[in-house]
Amino acid sequence: MIAIERAPAVAPAASGAWWRTSSFGDMQAASAHELSTLGEHLQACRLGGGGLFSVGCGAQALHRHVASRFVTTLALALLVIGLGMLAT
């Protein structure tokens, strides 16, 4: 078996905090407190957006739909304009 030596933590920052930026190959999972806090934050973000956020989401969905079918949308728009001109 080969022994792997772990690198020491970096020197403390100016604030005195020690930071570790590697899990050294171990799986890292969020704690129950972190998940709970994240859930509360996301809920607050959803509620904070209000109606304007919903309008923005709808506009993005419409844009994705139209952009992916640009030629068809253009042909339908021209057809409607042409029928409107014929009707007058």
Protein backbone atom coordinates (compact mmCIF):
# COMPACT_ATOMS: atom_id res chain seq x y z
CA MET A 1 0.00 0.00 0.00
CA ILE A 2 1.30 3.44 -0.94
CA ALA A 3 0.98 6.18 1.64
CA ILE A 4 -0.19 9.49 0.23
CA GLU A 5 0.82 12.57 2.13
CA ARG A 6 -1.75 15.33 2.18
CA ALA A 7 -0.65 18.88 1.52
CA PRO A 8 -0.97 21.23 4.47
CA ALA A 9 -3.60 23.94 4.46
CA VAL A 10 -2.59 27.29 3.03
CA ALA A 11 -1.39 30.04 5.29
CA PRO A 12 -4.13 32.14 6.89
CA ALA A 13 -5.44 35.09 4.91
CA ALA A 14 -5.20 38.62 6.21
CA SER A 15 -8.49 38.08 8.04
CA GLY A 16 -7.04 35.10 9.89
CA ALA A 17 -9.35 32.54 8.22
CA TRP A 18 -8.00 29.18 7.07
CA TRP A 19 -9.33 27.92 3.74
CA ARG A 20 -9.22 24.45 2.23
CA THR A 21 -10.06 24.27 -1.43
CA SER A 22 -9.69 20.54 -1.99
CA SER A 23 -11.52 17.47 -0.72
CA PHE A 24 -8.42 15.34 -1.35
CA GLY A 25 -10.46 12.88 -3.39
CA ASP A 26 -13.13 12.40 -0.72
CA MET A 27 -16.78 12.90 -1.60
CA GLN A 28 -18.09 16.11 -0.14
CA ALA A 29 -21.78 16.39 0.65
CA ALA A 30 -23.80 19.34 1.85
CA SER A 31 -24.95 19.23 5.44
CA ALA A 32 -28.60 19.28 6.39
CA HIS A 33 -28.21 22.87 7.62
CA GLU A 34 -26.67 23.99 4.32
CA LEU A 35 -29.46 22.35 2.31
CA SER A 36 -32.10 23.90 4.54
CA THR A 37 -30.53 27.35 4.19
CA LEU A 38 -30.27 26.93 0.42
CA GLY A 39 -33.95 25.94 0.24
CA GLU A 40 -34.96 29.02 2.24
CA HIS A 41 -32.86 31.25 -0.01
CA LEU A 42 -34.35 29.82 -3.21
CA GLN A 43 -37.87 30.20 -1.84
CA ALA A 44 -37.17 33.84 -0.97
CA CYS A 45 -35.79 34.42 -4.48
CA ARG A 46 -38.92 32.91 -6.05
CA LEU A 47 -41.24 35.02 -3.92
CA GLY A 48 -39.15 38.17 -4.39
CA GLY A 49 -39.45 38.05 -8.16
CA GLY A 50 -43.22 38.56 -8.16
CA GLY A 51 -45.23 38.94 -11.34
CA LEU A 52 -42.43 40.56 -13.30
CA PHE A 53 -40.31 37.43 -12.86
CA SER A 54 -43.16 35.31 -14.27
CA VAL A 55 -43.52 37.66 -17.25
CA GLY A 56 -39.78 37.39 -17.90
CA CYS A 57 -39.93 33.58 -17.78
CA GLY A 58 -42.87 33.59 -20.20
CA ALA A 59 -41.03 35.91 -22.58
CA GLN A 60 -37.97 33.66 -22.52
CA ALA A 61 -40.11 30.58 -23.22
CA LEU A 62 -41.82 32.36 -26.12
CA HIS A 63 -38.45 33.48 -27.50
CA ARG A 64 -37.06 29.93 -27.33
CA HIS A 65 -40.16 28.63 -29.14
CA VAL A 66 -40.08 31.26 -31.88
CA ALA A 67 -36.29 31.20 -32.32
CA SER A 68 -36.22 27.44 -32.80
CA ARG A 69 -38.96 27.71 -35.45
CA PHE A 70 -37.88 30.95 -37.09
CA VAL A 71 -38.65 30.05 -40.71
CA THR A 72 -42.07 28.62 -39.85
CA THR A 73 -42.89 31.65 -37.70
CA LEU A 74 -41.82 34.01 -40.47
CA ALA A 75 -43.92 32.13 -43.06
CA LEU A 76 -46.98 32.21 -40.79
CA ALA A 77 -46.51 35.93 -40.11
CA LEU A 78 -46.27 36.65 -43.84
CA LEU A 79 -49.35 34.51 -44.49
CA VAL A 80 -51.38 36.39 -41.88
CA ILE A 81 -50.20 39.75 -43.28
CA GLY A 82 -51.00 38.64 -46.81
CA LEU A 83 -54.48 37.42 -45.86
CA GLY A 84 -55.06 40.67 -44.02
CA MET A 85 -54.14 42.68 -47.12
CA LEU A 86 -56.42 40.55 -49.32
CA ALA A 87 -59.33 41.01 -46.95
CA THR A 88 -59.16 44.81 -47.15
